[in-house]
């Protein structure tokens, strides 16, 4: 989607007291800011905020993180992710596999164009 991202990932090891989503947001925001400052300085002002603890905000506060507590929830969320680009307000593809930034084609063809995807059935049987 043009203004947000959906991810399903597995936490492989504990990351201290911080929630996994907070660690993800912190690390990726840092890397995105480095890229913006280096390669896209004209875009940088769009991320400026008037906050005492930071000058820029990349991610929305309190992003929705949902724990996948069983396989049914995982499948439901995966289907939602794959169909989200097709919704009328986005209309980014006609079928899930056509959306470039989706894992839907991976689940159809088993070809990992991102080079990091793992089929959930390989993890949960």
PDB file of N, CA and C in Angstrom:
ATOM      1  N   UNK A   1       0.828  -1.173   0.000  1.00  0.00           N
ATOM      2  CA  UNK A   1       0.000   0.000   0.000  1.00  0.00           C
ATOM      3  C   UNK A   1       0.880   1.247   0.000  1.00  0.00           C
ATOM      4  N   UNK A   2       0.396   2.318  -0.515  1.00  0.00           N
ATOM      5  CA  UNK A   2       1.227   3.517  -0.631  1.00  0.00           C
ATOM      6  C   UNK A   2       1.633   4.145   0.701  1.00  0.00           C
ATOM      7  N   UNK A   3       0.852   3.933   1.764  1.00  0.00           N
ATOM      8  CA  UNK A   3       1.148   4.654   3.000  1.00  0.00           C
ATOM      9  C   UNK A   3       1.312   3.775   4.232  1.00  0.00           C
ATOM     10  N   UNK A   4       1.367   2.461   4.064  1.00  0.00           N
ATOM     11  CA  UNK A   4       1.590   1.590   5.225  1.00  0.00           C
ATOM     12  C   UNK A   4       2.094   0.222   4.774  1.00  0.00           C
ATOM     13  N   UNK A   5       2.427  -0.581   5.753  1.00  0.00           N
ATOM     14  CA  UNK A   5       2.997  -1.899   5.478  1.00  0.00           C
ATOM     15  C   UNK A   5       2.339  -2.923   6.405  1.00  0.00           C
ATOM     16  N   UNK A   6       2.157  -4.126   5.884  1.00  0.00           N
ATOM     17  CA  UNK A   6       1.684  -5.253   6.687  1.00  0.00           C
ATOM     18  C   UNK A   6       2.781  -6.307   6.669  1.00  0.00           C
ATOM     19  N   UNK A   7       3.082  -6.858   7.819  1.00  0.00           N
ATOM     20  CA  UNK A   7       4.112  -7.895   7.924  1.00  0.00           C
ATOM     21  C   UNK A   7       3.635  -9.007   8.842  1.00  0.00           C
ATOM     22  N   UNK A   8       4.065 -10.214   8.523  1.00  0.00           N
ATOM     23  CA  UNK A   8       3.938 -11.331   9.452  1.00  0.00           C
ATOM     24  C   UNK A   8       5.344 -11.873   9.605  1.00  0.00           C
ATOM     25  N   UNK A   9       5.821 -11.886  10.825  1.00  0.00           N
ATOM     26  CA  UNK A   9       7.153 -12.424  11.041  1.00  0.00           C
ATOM     27  C   UNK A   9       7.177 -13.250  12.311  1.00  0.00           C
ATOM     28  N   UNK A  10       8.213 -14.074  12.398  1.00  0.00           N
ATOM     29  CA  UNK A  10       8.409 -14.918  13.574  1.00  0.00           C
ATOM     30  C   UNK A  10       9.598 -14.390  14.357  1.00  0.00           C
ATOM     31  N   UNK A  11       9.390 -14.187  15.631  1.00  0.00           N
ATOM     32  CA  UNK A  11      10.462 -13.764  16.516  1.00  0.00           C
ATOM     33  C   UNK A  11      11.307 -14.993  16.850  1.00  0.00           C
ATOM     34  N   UNK A  12      12.555 -14.987  16.451  1.00  0.00           N
ATOM     35  CA  UNK A  12      13.416 -16.152  16.643  1.00  0.00           C
ATOM     36  C   UNK A  12      14.115 -16.170  17.992  1.00  0.00           C
ATOM     37  N   UNK A  13      14.302 -15.006  18.587  1.00  0.00           N
ATOM     38  CA  UNK A  13      14.910 -14.949  19.915  1.00  0.00           C
ATOM     39  C   UNK A  13      14.392 -13.709  20.631  1.00  0.00           C
ATOM     40  N   UNK A  14      14.364 -13.751  21.951  1.00  0.00           N
ATOM     41  CA  UNK A  14      13.890 -12.583  22.713  1.00  0.00           C
ATOM     42  C   UNK A  14      14.759 -11.363  22.431  1.00  0.00           C
ATOM     43  N   UNK A  15      14.139 -10.193  22.539  1.00  0.00           N
ATOM     44  CA  UNK A  15      14.886  -8.962  22.274  1.00  0.00           C
ATOM     45  C   UNK A  15      14.857  -8.026  23.478  1.00  0.00           C
ATOM     46  N   UNK A  16      14.966  -8.603  24.638  1.00  0.00           N
ATOM     47  CA  UNK A  16      14.968  -7.791  25.851  1.00  0.00           C
ATOM     48  C   UNK A  16      13.564  -7.426  26.282  1.00  0.00           C
ATOM     49  N   UNK A  17      13.423  -6.286  26.938  1.00  0.00           N
ATOM     50  CA  UNK A  17      12.131  -5.867  27.480  1.00  0.00           C
ATOM     51  C   UNK A  17      11.243  -5.196  26.435  1.00  0.00           C
ATOM     52  N   UNK A  18      11.839  -4.748  25.355  1.00  0.00           N
ATOM     53  CA  UNK A  18      11.090  -4.034  24.322  1.00  0.00           C
ATOM     54  C   UNK A  18      10.219  -4.989  23.515  1.00  0.00           C
ATOM     55  N   UNK A  19       9.032  -4.534  23.145  1.00  0.00           N
ATOM     56  CA  UNK A  19       8.160  -5.346  22.299  1.00  0.00           C
ATOM     57  C   UNK A  19       8.811  -5.513  20.923  1.00  0.00           C
ATOM     58  N   UNK A  20       8.616  -6.662  20.272  1.00  0.00           N
ATOM     59  CA  UNK A  20       9.205  -6.867  18.941  1.00  0.00           C
ATOM     60  C   UNK A  20       8.816  -5.781  17.944  1.00  0.00           C
ATOM     61  N   UNK A  21       7.564  -5.352  17.969  1.00  0.00           N
ATOM     62  CA  UNK A  21       7.144  -4.313  17.024  1.00  0.00           C
ATOM     63  C   UNK A  21       7.866  -2.991  17.294  1.00  0.00           C
ATOM     64  N   UNK A  22       8.142  -2.692  18.555  1.00  0.00           N
ATOM     65  CA  UNK A  22       8.880  -1.474  18.886  1.00  0.00           C
ATOM     66  C   UNK A  22      10.315  -1.557  18.377  1.00  0.00           C
ATOM     67  N   UNK A  23      10.936  -2.718  18.514  1.00  0.00           N
ATOM     68  CA  UNK A  23      12.299  -2.910  17.998  1.00  0.00           C
ATOM     69  C   UNK A  23      12.322  -2.757  16.483  1.00  0.00           C
ATOM     70  N   UNK A  24      11.332  -3.345  15.821  1.00  0.00           N
ATOM     71  CA  UNK A  24      11.241  -3.236  14.366  1.00  0.00           C
ATOM     72  C   UNK A  24      11.087  -1.770  13.956  1.00  0.00           C
ATOM     73  N   UNK A  25      10.165  -1.072  14.604  1.00  0.00           N
ATOM     74  CA  UNK A  25       9.932   0.333  14.263  1.00  0.00           C
ATOM     75  C   UNK A  25      11.183   1.180  14.478  1.00  0.00           C
ATOM     76  N   UNK A  26      11.867   0.968  15.595  1.00  0.00           N
ATOM     77  CA  UNK A  26      13.064   1.742  15.909  1.00  0.00           C
ATOM     78  C   UNK A  26      14.164   1.507  14.871  1.00  0.00           C
ATOM     79  N   UNK A  27      14.437   0.243  14.585  1.00  0.00           N
ATOM     80  CA  UNK A  27      15.518  -0.094  13.655  1.00  0.00           C
ATOM     81  C   UNK A  27      15.208   0.391  12.238  1.00  0.00           C
ATOM     82  N   UNK A  28      13.994   0.102  11.753  1.00  0.00           N
ATOM     83  CA  UNK A  28      13.669   0.491  10.377  1.00  0.00           C
ATOM     84  C   UNK A  28      13.562   2.006  10.235  1.00  0.00           C
ATOM     85  N   UNK A  29      13.028   2.700  11.237  1.00  0.00           N
ATOM     86  CA  UNK A  29      12.961   4.160  11.174  1.00  0.00           C
ATOM     87  C   UNK A  29      14.364   4.750  11.075  1.00  0.00           C
ATOM     88  N   UNK A  30      15.279   4.211  11.844  1.00  0.00           N
ATOM     89  CA  UNK A  30      16.670   4.673  11.795  1.00  0.00           C
ATOM     90  C   UNK A  30      17.256   4.484  10.389  1.00  0.00           C
ATOM     91  N   UNK A  31      17.052   3.309   9.810  1.00  0.00           N
ATOM     92  CA  UNK A  31      17.591   3.029   8.473  1.00  0.00           C
ATOM     93  C   UNK A  31      16.916   3.879   7.395  1.00  0.00           C
ATOM     94  N   UNK A  32      15.616   4.082   7.517  1.00  0.00           N
ATOM     95  CA  UNK A  32      14.900   4.917   6.548  1.00  0.00           C
ATOM     96  C   UNK A  32      15.385   6.363   6.629  1.00  0.00           C
ATOM     97  N   UNK A  33      15.578   6.863   7.840  1.00  0.00           N
ATOM     98  CA  UNK A  33      16.079   8.234   7.989  1.00  0.00           C
ATOM     99  C   UNK A  33      17.465   8.405   7.390  1.00  0.00           C
ATOM    100  N   UNK A  34      18.317   7.429   7.581  1.00  0.00           N
ATOM    101  CA  UNK A  34      19.650   7.492   6.961  1.00  0.00           C
ATOM    102  C   UNK A  34      19.515   7.577   5.449  1.00  0.00           C
ATOM    103  N   UNK A  35      18.647   6.741   4.880  1.00  0.00           N
ATOM    104  CA  UNK A  35      18.452   6.753   3.431  1.00  0.00           C
ATOM    105  C   UNK A  35      17.865   8.084   2.959  1.00  0.00           C
ATOM    106  N   UNK A  36      16.871   8.597   3.673  1.00  0.00           N
ATOM    107  CA  UNK A  36      16.266   9.878   3.288  1.00  0.00           C
ATOM    108  C   UNK A  36      17.286  11.005   3.331  1.00  0.00           C
ATOM    109  N   UNK A  37      18.076  11.052   4.394  1.00  0.00           N
ATOM    110  CA  UNK A  37      19.080  12.112   4.527  1.00  0.00           C
ATOM    111  C   UNK A  37      20.156  12.012   3.461  1.00  0.00           C
ATOM    112  N   UNK A  38      20.471  10.793   3.054  1.00  0.00           N
ATOM    113  CA  UNK A  38      21.523  10.576   2.064  1.00  0.00           C
ATOM    114  C   UNK A  38      21.025  10.734   0.631  1.00  0.00           C
ATOM    115  N   UNK A  39      19.847  10.198   0.359  1.00  0.00           N
ATOM    116  CA  UNK A  39      19.401  10.085  -1.033  1.00  0.00           C
ATOM    117  C   UNK A  39      18.129  10.850  -1.401  1.00  0.00           C
ATOM    118  N   UNK A  40      17.374  11.300  -0.414  1.00  0.00           N
ATOM    119  CA  UNK A  40      16.061  11.889  -0.706  1.00  0.00           C
ATOM    120  C   UNK A  40      15.783  13.088   0.195  1.00  0.00           C
ATOM    121  N   UNK A  41      16.679  14.040   0.240  1.00  0.00           N
ATOM    122  CA  UNK A  41      16.553  15.157   1.169  1.00  0.00           C
ATOM    123  C   UNK A  41      15.293  15.996   0.939  1.00  0.00           C
ATOM    124  N   UNK A  42      14.783  16.036  -0.275  1.00  0.00           N
ATOM    125  CA  UNK A  42      13.578  16.825  -0.552  1.00  0.00           C
ATOM    126  C   UNK A  42      12.330  16.208   0.091  1.00  0.00           C
ATOM    127  N   UNK A  43      12.377  14.916   0.380  1.00  0.00           N
ATOM    128  CA  UNK A  43      11.244  14.218   0.982  1.00  0.00           C
ATOM    129  C   UNK A  43      11.279  14.339   2.508  1.00  0.00           C
ATOM    130  N   UNK A  44      12.430  14.534   3.054  1.00  0.00           N
ATOM    131  CA  UNK A  44      12.625  14.558   4.502  1.00  0.00           C
ATOM    132  C   UNK A  44      11.658  15.488   5.256  1.00  0.00           C
ATOM    133  N   UNK A  45      11.356  16.686   4.778  1.00  0.00           N
ATOM    134  CA  UNK A  45      10.429  17.565   5.516  1.00  0.00           C
ATOM    135  C   UNK A  45       9.034  16.972   5.744  1.00  0.00           C
ATOM    136  N   UNK A  46       8.602  16.040   4.925  1.00  0.00           N
ATOM    137  CA  UNK A  46       7.296  15.408   5.105  1.00  0.00           C
ATOM    138  C   UNK A  46       7.231  14.562   6.386  1.00  0.00           C
ATOM    139  N   UNK A  47       8.377  14.230   6.930  1.00  0.00           N
ATOM    140  CA  UNK A  47       8.440  13.402   8.126  1.00  0.00           C
ATOM    141  C   UNK A  47       8.760  14.205   9.390  1.00  0.00           C
ATOM    142  N   UNK A  48       8.904  15.505   9.258  1.00  0.00           N
ATOM    143  CA  UNK A  48       9.198  16.348  10.412  1.00  0.00           C
ATOM    144  C   UNK A  48       7.999  16.418  11.354  1.00  0.00           C
ATOM    145  N   UNK A  49       8.294  16.404  12.656  1.00  0.00           N
ATOM    146  CA  UNK A  49       7.264  16.527  13.690  1.00  0.00           C
ATOM    147  C   UNK A  49       7.735  17.514  14.747  1.00  0.00           C
ATOM    148  N   UNK A  50       6.788  18.056  15.449  1.00  0.00           N
ATOM    149  CA  UNK A  50       7.099  18.967  16.560  1.00  0.00           C
ATOM    150  C   UNK A  50       6.960  18.183  17.860  1.00  0.00           C
ATOM    151  N   UNK A  51       7.939  17.352  18.139  1.00  0.00           N
ATOM    152  CA  UNK A  51       7.953  16.543  19.350  1.00  0.00           C
ATOM    153  C   UNK A  51       9.283  16.777  20.056  1.00  0.00           C
ATOM    154  N   UNK A  52       9.262  16.739  21.364  1.00  0.00           N
ATOM    155  CA  UNK A  52      10.481  17.031  22.116  1.00  0.00           C
ATOM    156  C   UNK A  52      11.525  15.933  21.978  1.00  0.00           C
ATOM    157  N   UNK A  53      11.086  14.676  21.801  1.00  0.00           N
ATOM    158  CA  UNK A  53      12.055  13.570  21.782  1.00  0.00           C
ATOM    159  C   UNK A  53      12.576  13.211  20.394  1.00  0.00           C
ATOM    160  N   UNK A  54      11.997  13.829  19.336  1.00  0.00           N
ATOM    161  CA  UNK A  54      12.472  13.521  17.986  1.00  0.00           C
ATOM    162  C   UNK A  54      12.118  14.641  17.025  1.00  0.00           C
ATOM    163  N   UNK A  55      12.884  14.685  15.932  1.00  0.00           N
ATOM    164  CA  UNK A  55      12.636  15.677  14.875  1.00  0.00           C
ATOM    165  C   UNK A  55      11.805  15.075  13.742  1.00  0.00           C
ATOM    166  N   UNK A  56      11.932  13.757  13.551  1.00  0.00           N
ATOM    167  CA  UNK A  56      11.216  13.077  12.464  1.00  0.00           C
ATOM    168  C   UNK A  56      10.434  11.888  13.010  1.00  0.00           C
ATOM    169  N   UNK A  57       9.320  11.590  12.386  1.00  0.00           N
ATOM    170  CA  UNK A  57       8.541  10.387  12.719  1.00  0.00           C
ATOM    171  C   UNK A  57       8.280   9.642  11.424  1.00  0.00           C
ATOM    172  N   UNK A  58       8.748   8.388  11.386  1.00  0.00           N
ATOM    173  CA  UNK A  58       8.550   7.541  10.212  1.00  0.00           C
ATOM    174  C   UNK A  58       7.290   6.699  10.379  1.00  0.00           C
ATOM    175  N   UNK A  59       7.142   6.069  11.521  1.00  0.00           N
ATOM    176  CA  UNK A  59       6.003   5.171  11.757  1.00  0.00           C
ATOM    177  C   UNK A  59       4.962   5.843  12.636  1.00  0.00           C
ATOM    178  N   UNK A  60       3.718   5.508  12.403  1.00  0.00           N
ATOM    179  CA  UNK A  60       2.616   5.983  13.226  1.00  0.00           C
ATOM    180  C   UNK A  60       2.799   5.456  14.655  1.00  0.00           C
ATOM    181  N   UNK A  61       2.425   6.265  15.622  1.00  0.00           N
ATOM    182  CA  UNK A  61       2.472   5.808  17.013  1.00  0.00           C
ATOM    183  C   UNK A  61       1.502   4.656  17.210  1.00  0.00           C
ATOM    184  N   UNK A  62       1.866   3.738  18.070  1.00  0.00           N
ATOM    185  CA  UNK A  62       0.996   2.618  18.444  1.00  0.00           C
ATOM    186  C   UNK A  62       0.477   1.834  17.238  1.00  0.00           C
ATOM    187  N   UNK A  63       1.384   1.439  16.383  1.00  0.00           N
ATOM    188  CA  UNK A  63       0.995   0.606  15.242  1.00  0.00           C
ATOM    189  C   UNK A  63       0.350  -0.679  15.749  1.00  0.00           C
ATOM    190  N   UNK A  64      -0.590  -1.173  15.027  1.00  0.00           N
ATOM    191  CA  UNK A  64      -1.332  -2.362  15.443  1.00  0.00           C
ATOM    192  C   UNK A  64      -0.467  -3.606  15.240  1.00  0.00           C
ATOM    193  N   UNK A  65      -0.111  -4.245  16.322  1.00  0.00           N
ATOM    194  CA  UNK A  65       0.633  -5.507  16.275  1.00  0.00           C
ATOM    195  C   UNK A  65      -0.283  -6.590  16.828  1.00  0.00           C
ATOM    196  N   UNK A  66      -0.497  -7.626  16.055  1.00  0.00           N
ATOM    197  CA  UNK A  66      -1.409  -8.702  16.442  1.00  0.00           C
ATOM    198  C   UNK A  66      -0.608  -9.988  16.594  1.00  0.00           C
ATOM    199  N   UNK A  67      -0.695 -10.607  17.740  1.00  0.00           N
ATOM    200  CA  UNK A  67       0.000 -11.865  17.976  1.00  0.00           C
ATOM    201  C   UNK A  67      -0.740 -13.000  17.256  1.00  0.00           C
ATOM    202  N   UNK A  68       0.008 -13.808  16.537  1.00  0.00           N
ATOM    203  CA  UNK A  68      -0.561 -14.957  15.828  1.00  0.00           C
ATOM    204  C   UNK A  68      -0.524 -16.149  16.785  1.00  0.00           C
ATOM    205  N   UNK A  69      -1.575 -16.297  17.568  1.00  0.00           N
ATOM    206  CA  UNK A  69      -1.572 -17.292  18.630  1.00  0.00           C
ATOM    207  C   UNK A  69      -1.985 -18.676  18.179  1.00  0.00           C
ATOM    208  N   UNK A  70      -2.482 -18.820  16.943  1.00  0.00           N
ATOM    209  CA  UNK A  70      -2.732 -20.153  16.395  1.00  0.00           C
ATOM    210  C   UNK A  70      -2.739 -20.082  14.867  1.00  0.00           C
ATOM    211  N   UNK A  71      -2.734 -21.216  14.237  1.00  0.00           N
ATOM    212  CA  UNK A  71      -2.630 -21.289  12.782  1.00  0.00           C
ATOM    213  C   UNK A  71      -3.829 -20.650  12.090  1.00  0.00           C
ATOM    214  N   UNK A  72      -5.009 -20.725  12.685  1.00  0.00           N
ATOM    215  CA  UNK A  72      -6.200 -20.119  12.078  1.00  0.00           C
ATOM    216  C   UNK A  72      -6.074 -18.600  11.997  1.00  0.00           C
ATOM    217  N   UNK A  73      -5.552 -17.991  13.044  1.00  0.00           N
ATOM    218  CA  UNK A  73      -5.343 -16.545  13.037  1.00  0.00           C
ATOM    219  C   UNK A  73      -4.291 -16.184  11.989  1.00  0.00           C
ATOM    220  N   UNK A  74      -3.230 -16.960  11.925  1.00  0.00           N
ATOM    221  CA  UNK A  74      -2.188 -16.711  10.935  1.00  0.00           C
ATOM    222  C   UNK A  74      -2.755 -16.748   9.522  1.00  0.00           C
ATOM    223  N   UNK A  75      -3.524 -17.751   9.194  1.00  0.00           N
ATOM    224  CA  UNK A  75      -4.105 -17.876   7.851  1.00  0.00           C
ATOM    225  C   UNK A  75      -5.075 -16.729   7.579  1.00  0.00           C
ATOM    226  N   UNK A  76      -5.885 -16.367   8.556  1.00  0.00           N
ATOM    227  CA  UNK A  76      -6.822 -15.254   8.379  1.00  0.00           C
ATOM    228  C   UNK A  76      -6.072 -13.960   8.094  1.00  0.00           C
ATOM    229  N   UNK A  77      -5.014 -13.689   8.839  1.00  0.00           N
ATOM    230  CA  UNK A  77      -4.235 -12.460   8.642  1.00  0.00           C
ATOM    231  C   UNK A  77      -3.486 -12.493   7.311  1.00  0.00           C
ATOM    232  N   UNK A  78      -2.971 -13.638   6.929  1.00  0.00           N
ATOM    233  CA  UNK A  78      -2.277 -13.760   5.646  1.00  0.00           C
ATOM    234  C   UNK A  78      -3.237 -13.497   4.490  1.00  0.00           C
ATOM    235  N   UNK A  79      -4.427 -14.032   4.566  1.00  0.00           N
ATOM    236  CA  UNK A  79      -5.434 -13.765   3.530  1.00  0.00           C
ATOM    237  C   UNK A  79      -5.785 -12.279   3.483  1.00  0.00           C
ATOM    238  N   UNK A  80      -5.905 -11.661   4.642  1.00  0.00           N
ATOM    239  CA  UNK A  80      -6.171 -10.222   4.690  1.00  0.00           C
ATOM    240  C   UNK A  80      -5.054  -9.450   4.004  1.00  0.00           C
ATOM    241  N   UNK A  81      -3.806  -9.779   4.319  1.00  0.00           N
ATOM    242  CA  UNK A  81      -2.669  -9.098   3.710  1.00  0.00           C
ATOM    243  C   UNK A  81      -2.676  -9.249   2.196  1.00  0.00           C
ATOM    244  N   UNK A  82      -2.939 -10.451   1.734  1.00  0.00           N
ATOM    245  CA  UNK A  82      -2.921 -10.708   0.291  1.00  0.00           C
ATOM    246  C   UNK A  82      -4.053 -10.008  -0.446  1.00  0.00           C
ATOM    247  N   UNK A  83      -5.176  -9.823   0.203  1.00  0.00           N
ATOM    248  CA  UNK A  83      -6.323  -9.196  -0.454  1.00  0.00           C
ATOM    249  C   UNK A  83      -6.412  -7.695  -0.233  1.00  0.00           C
ATOM    250  N   UNK A  84      -5.675  -7.157   0.700  1.00  0.00           N
ATOM    251  CA  UNK A  84      -5.743  -5.732   1.013  1.00  0.00           C
ATOM    252  C   UNK A  84      -5.461  -4.826  -0.194  1.00  0.00           C
ATOM    253  N   UNK A  85      -4.478  -5.111  -1.037  1.00  0.00           N
ATOM    254  CA  UNK A  85      -4.229  -4.228  -2.195  1.00  0.00           C
ATOM    255  C   UNK A  85      -5.366  -4.218  -3.219  1.00  0.00           C
ATOM    256  N   UNK A  86      -6.267  -5.202  -3.159  1.00  0.00           N
ATOM    257  CA  UNK A  86      -7.366  -5.284  -4.110  1.00  0.00           C
ATOM    258  C   UNK A  86      -8.568  -4.455  -3.681  1.00  0.00           C
ATOM    259  N   UNK A  87      -8.610  -4.049  -2.440  1.00  0.00           N
ATOM    260  CA  UNK A  87      -9.774  -3.336  -1.937  1.00  0.00           C
ATOM    261  C   UNK A  87     -10.009  -2.054  -2.731  1.00  0.00           C
ATOM    262  N   UNK A  88     -11.262  -1.659  -2.822  1.00  0.00           N
ATOM    263  CA  UNK A  88     -11.674  -0.536  -3.667  1.00  0.00           C
ATOM    264  C   UNK A  88     -10.883   0.744  -3.394  1.00  0.00           C
ATOM    265  N   UNK A  89     -10.582   1.029  -2.128  1.00  0.00           N
ATOM    266  CA  UNK A  89      -9.861   2.274  -1.854  1.00  0.00           C
ATOM    267  C   UNK A  89      -8.391   2.209  -2.278  1.00  0.00           C
ATOM    268  N   UNK A  90      -7.856   1.008  -2.498  1.00  0.00           N
ATOM    269  CA  UNK A  90      -6.485   0.893  -2.999  1.00  0.00           C
ATOM    270  C   UNK A  90      -6.485   0.564  -4.488  1.00  0.00           C
ATOM    271  N   UNK A  91      -7.180  -0.489  -4.860  1.00  0.00           N
ATOM    272  CA  UNK A  91      -7.275  -0.902  -6.260  1.00  0.00           C
ATOM    273  C   UNK A  91      -5.892  -0.965  -6.932  1.00  0.00           C
ATOM    274  N   UNK A  92      -4.948  -1.624  -6.271  1.00  0.00           N
ATOM    275  CA  UNK A  92      -3.568  -1.686  -6.757  1.00  0.00           C
ATOM    276  C   UNK A  92      -3.297  -2.903  -7.634  1.00  0.00           C
ATOM    277  N   UNK A  93      -4.210  -3.860  -7.647  1.00  0.00           N
ATOM    278  CA  UNK A  93      -4.054  -5.065  -8.457  1.00  0.00           C
ATOM    279  C   UNK A  93      -5.412  -5.723  -8.638  1.00  0.00           C
ATOM    280  N   UNK A  94      -5.498  -6.559  -9.684  1.00  0.00           N
ATOM    281  CA  UNK A  94      -6.747  -7.282  -9.923  1.00  0.00           C
ATOM    282  C   UNK A  94      -6.811  -8.582  -9.141  1.00  0.00           C
ATOM    283  N   UNK A  95      -5.644  -9.214  -8.967  1.00  0.00           N
ATOM    284  CA  UNK A  95      -5.546 -10.439  -8.176  1.00  0.00           C
ATOM    285  C   UNK A  95      -4.353 -10.285  -7.225  1.00  0.00           C
ATOM    286  N   UNK A  96      -4.380 -10.947  -6.076  1.00  0.00           N
ATOM    287  CA  UNK A  96      -3.299 -10.761  -5.089  1.00  0.00           C
ATOM    288  C   UNK A  96      -1.893 -10.995  -5.648  1.00  0.00           C
ATOM    289  N   UNK A  97      -1.737 -11.974  -6.519  1.00  0.00           N
ATOM    290  CA  UNK A  97      -0.404 -12.305  -7.040  1.00  0.00           C
ATOM    291  C   UNK A  97       0.195 -11.194  -7.904  1.00  0.00           C
ATOM    292  N   UNK A  98      -0.640 -10.291  -8.399  1.00  0.00           N
ATOM    293  CA  UNK A  98      -0.152  -9.213  -9.259  1.00  0.00           C
ATOM    294  C   UNK A  98       0.427  -8.031  -8.488  1.00  0.00           C
ATOM    295  N   UNK A  99       0.160  -7.944  -7.198  1.00  0.00           N
ATOM    296  CA  UNK A  99       0.697  -6.826  -6.427  1.00  0.00           C
ATOM    297  C   UNK A  99       2.167  -7.104  -6.134  1.00  0.00           C
ATOM    298  N   UNK A 100       3.030  -6.258  -6.653  1.00  0.00           N
ATOM    299  CA  UNK A 100       4.485  -6.457  -6.598  1.00  0.00           C
ATOM    300  C   UNK A 100       5.029  -6.679  -5.191  1.00  0.00           C
ATOM    301  N   UNK A 101       4.478  -5.992  -4.201  1.00  0.00           N
ATOM    302  CA  UNK A 101       5.039  -6.018  -2.855  1.00  0.00           C
ATOM    303  C   UNK A 101       4.358  -7.035  -1.943  1.00  0.00           C
ATOM    304  N   UNK A 102       3.654  -7.988  -2.520  1.00  0.00           N
ATOM    305  CA  UNK A 102       2.937  -8.994  -1.747  1.00  0.00           C
ATOM    306  C   UNK A 102       3.643 -10.344  -1.816  1.00  0.00           C
ATOM    307  N   UNK A 103       3.422 -11.153  -0.794  1.00  0.00           N
ATOM    308  CA  UNK A 103       3.932 -12.522  -0.814  1.00  0.00           C
ATOM    309  C   UNK A 103       2.948 -13.475  -1.493  1.00  0.00           C
ATOM    310  N   UNK A 104       1.843 -12.972  -2.007  1.00  0.00           N
ATOM    311  CA  UNK A 104       0.816 -13.826  -2.617  1.00  0.00           C
ATOM    312  C   UNK A 104       1.390 -14.660  -3.765  1.00  0.00           C
ATOM    313  N   UNK A 105       2.223 -14.071  -4.608  1.00  0.00           N
ATOM    314  CA  UNK A 105       2.796 -14.844  -5.716  1.00  0.00           C
ATOM    315  C   UNK A 105       3.721 -15.944  -5.191  1.00  0.00           C
ATOM    316  N   UNK A 106       4.402 -15.688  -4.079  1.00  0.00           N
ATOM    317  CA  UNK A 106       5.242 -16.717  -3.459  1.00  0.00           C
ATOM    318  C   UNK A 106       4.400 -17.936  -3.072  1.00  0.00           C
ATOM    319  N   UNK A 107       3.227 -17.689  -2.524  1.00  0.00           N
ATOM    320  CA  UNK A 107       2.365 -18.793  -2.118  1.00  0.00           C
ATOM    321  C   UNK A 107       1.762 -19.519  -3.316  1.00  0.00           C
ATOM    322  N   UNK A 108       1.729 -18.868  -4.473  1.00  0.00           N
ATOM    323  CA  UNK A 108       1.233 -19.509  -5.697  1.00  0.00           C
ATOM    324  C   UNK A 108       2.341 -20.286  -6.418  1.00  0.00           C
ATOM    325  N   UNK A 109       3.533 -19.691  -6.507  1.00  0.00           N
ATOM    326  CA  UNK A 109       4.601 -20.252  -7.353  1.00  0.00           C
ATOM    327  C   UNK A 109       5.776 -20.833  -6.576  1.00  0.00           C
ATOM    328  N   UNK A 110       5.880 -20.525  -5.284  1.00  0.00           N
ATOM    329  CA  UNK A 110       7.022 -20.906  -4.440  1.00  0.00           C
ATOM    330  C   UNK A 110       8.313 -20.198  -4.867  1.00  0.00           C
ATOM    331  N   UNK A 111       8.216 -19.135  -5.652  1.00  0.00           N
ATOM    332  CA  UNK A 111       9.364 -18.333  -6.052  1.00  0.00           C
ATOM    333  C   UNK A 111       9.456 -17.119  -5.142  1.00  0.00           C
ATOM    334  N   UNK A 112      10.558 -17.024  -4.416  1.00  0.00           N
ATOM    335  CA  UNK A 112      10.749 -15.954  -3.452  1.00  0.00           C
ATOM    336  C   UNK A 112      11.540 -14.822  -4.090  1.00  0.00           C
ATOM    337  N   UNK A 113      10.846 -13.856  -4.666  1.00  0.00           N
ATOM    338  CA  UNK A 113      11.525 -12.724  -5.299  1.00  0.00           C
ATOM    339  C   UNK A 113      12.140 -11.774  -4.268  1.00  0.00           C
ATOM    340  N   UNK A 114      11.739 -11.878  -3.013  1.00  0.00           N
ATOM    341  CA  UNK A 114      12.292 -11.038  -1.952  1.00  0.00           C
ATOM    342  C   UNK A 114      13.532 -11.668  -1.318  1.00  0.00           C
ATOM    343  N   UNK A 115      13.679 -12.971  -1.470  1.00  0.00           N
ATOM    344  CA  UNK A 115      14.827 -13.712  -0.948  1.00  0.00           C
ATOM    345  C   UNK A 115      14.873 -13.784   0.582  1.00  0.00           C
ATOM    346  N   UNK A 116      13.701 -13.788   1.231  1.00  0.00           N
ATOM    347  CA  UNK A 116      13.677 -13.995   2.676  1.00  0.00           C
ATOM    348  C   UNK A 116      12.381 -14.635   3.169  1.00  0.00           C
ATOM    349  N   UNK A 117      11.480 -14.979   2.280  1.00  0.00           N
ATOM    350  CA  UNK A 117      10.186 -15.516   2.698  1.00  0.00           C
ATOM    351  C   UNK A 117      10.284 -16.992   3.064  1.00  0.00           C
ATOM    352  N   UNK A 118       9.441 -17.410   3.990  1.00  0.00           N
ATOM    353  CA  UNK A 118       9.326 -18.794   4.390  1.00  0.00           C
ATOM    354  C   UNK A 118       7.843 -19.143   4.427  1.00  0.00           C
ATOM    355  N   UNK A 119       7.476 -20.238   3.798  1.00  0.00           N
ATOM    356  CA  UNK A 119       6.078 -20.669   3.813  1.00  0.00           C
ATOM    357  C   UNK A 119       5.715 -21.056   5.243  1.00  0.00           C
ATOM    358  N   UNK A 120       4.596 -20.570   5.734  1.00  0.00           N
ATOM    359  CA  UNK A 120       4.217 -20.853   7.121  1.00  0.00           C
ATOM    360  C   UNK A 120       4.063 -22.358   7.375  1.00  0.00           C
ATOM    361  N   UNK A 121       3.720 -23.142   6.360  1.00  0.00           N
ATOM    362  CA  UNK A 121       3.572 -24.582   6.547  1.00  0.00           C
ATOM    363  C   UNK A 121       4.924 -25.249   6.844  1.00  0.00           C
ATOM    364  N   UNK A 122       6.017 -24.628   6.408  1.00  0.00           N
ATOM    365  CA  UNK A 122       7.350 -25.138   6.736  1.00  0.00           C
ATOM    366  C   UNK A 122       7.670 -24.936   8.207  1.00  0.00           C
ATOM    367  N   UNK A 123       6.992 -23.997   8.849  1.00  0.00           N
ATOM    368  CA  UNK A 123       7.240 -23.705  10.255  1.00  0.00           C
ATOM    369  C   UNK A 123       6.234 -24.389  11.178  1.00  0.00           C
ATOM    370  N   UNK A 124       4.998 -24.576  10.673  1.00  0.00           N
ATOM    371  CA  UNK A 124       3.936 -25.090  11.527  1.00  0.00           C
ATOM    372  C   UNK A 124       3.353 -26.415  11.073  1.00  0.00           C
ATOM    373  N   UNK A 125       3.864 -26.959   9.961  1.00  0.00           N
ATOM    374  CA  UNK A 125       3.413 -28.261   9.476  1.00  0.00           C
ATOM    375  C   UNK A 125       2.109 -28.297   8.775  1.00  0.00           C
TER     376      UNK A 125
END
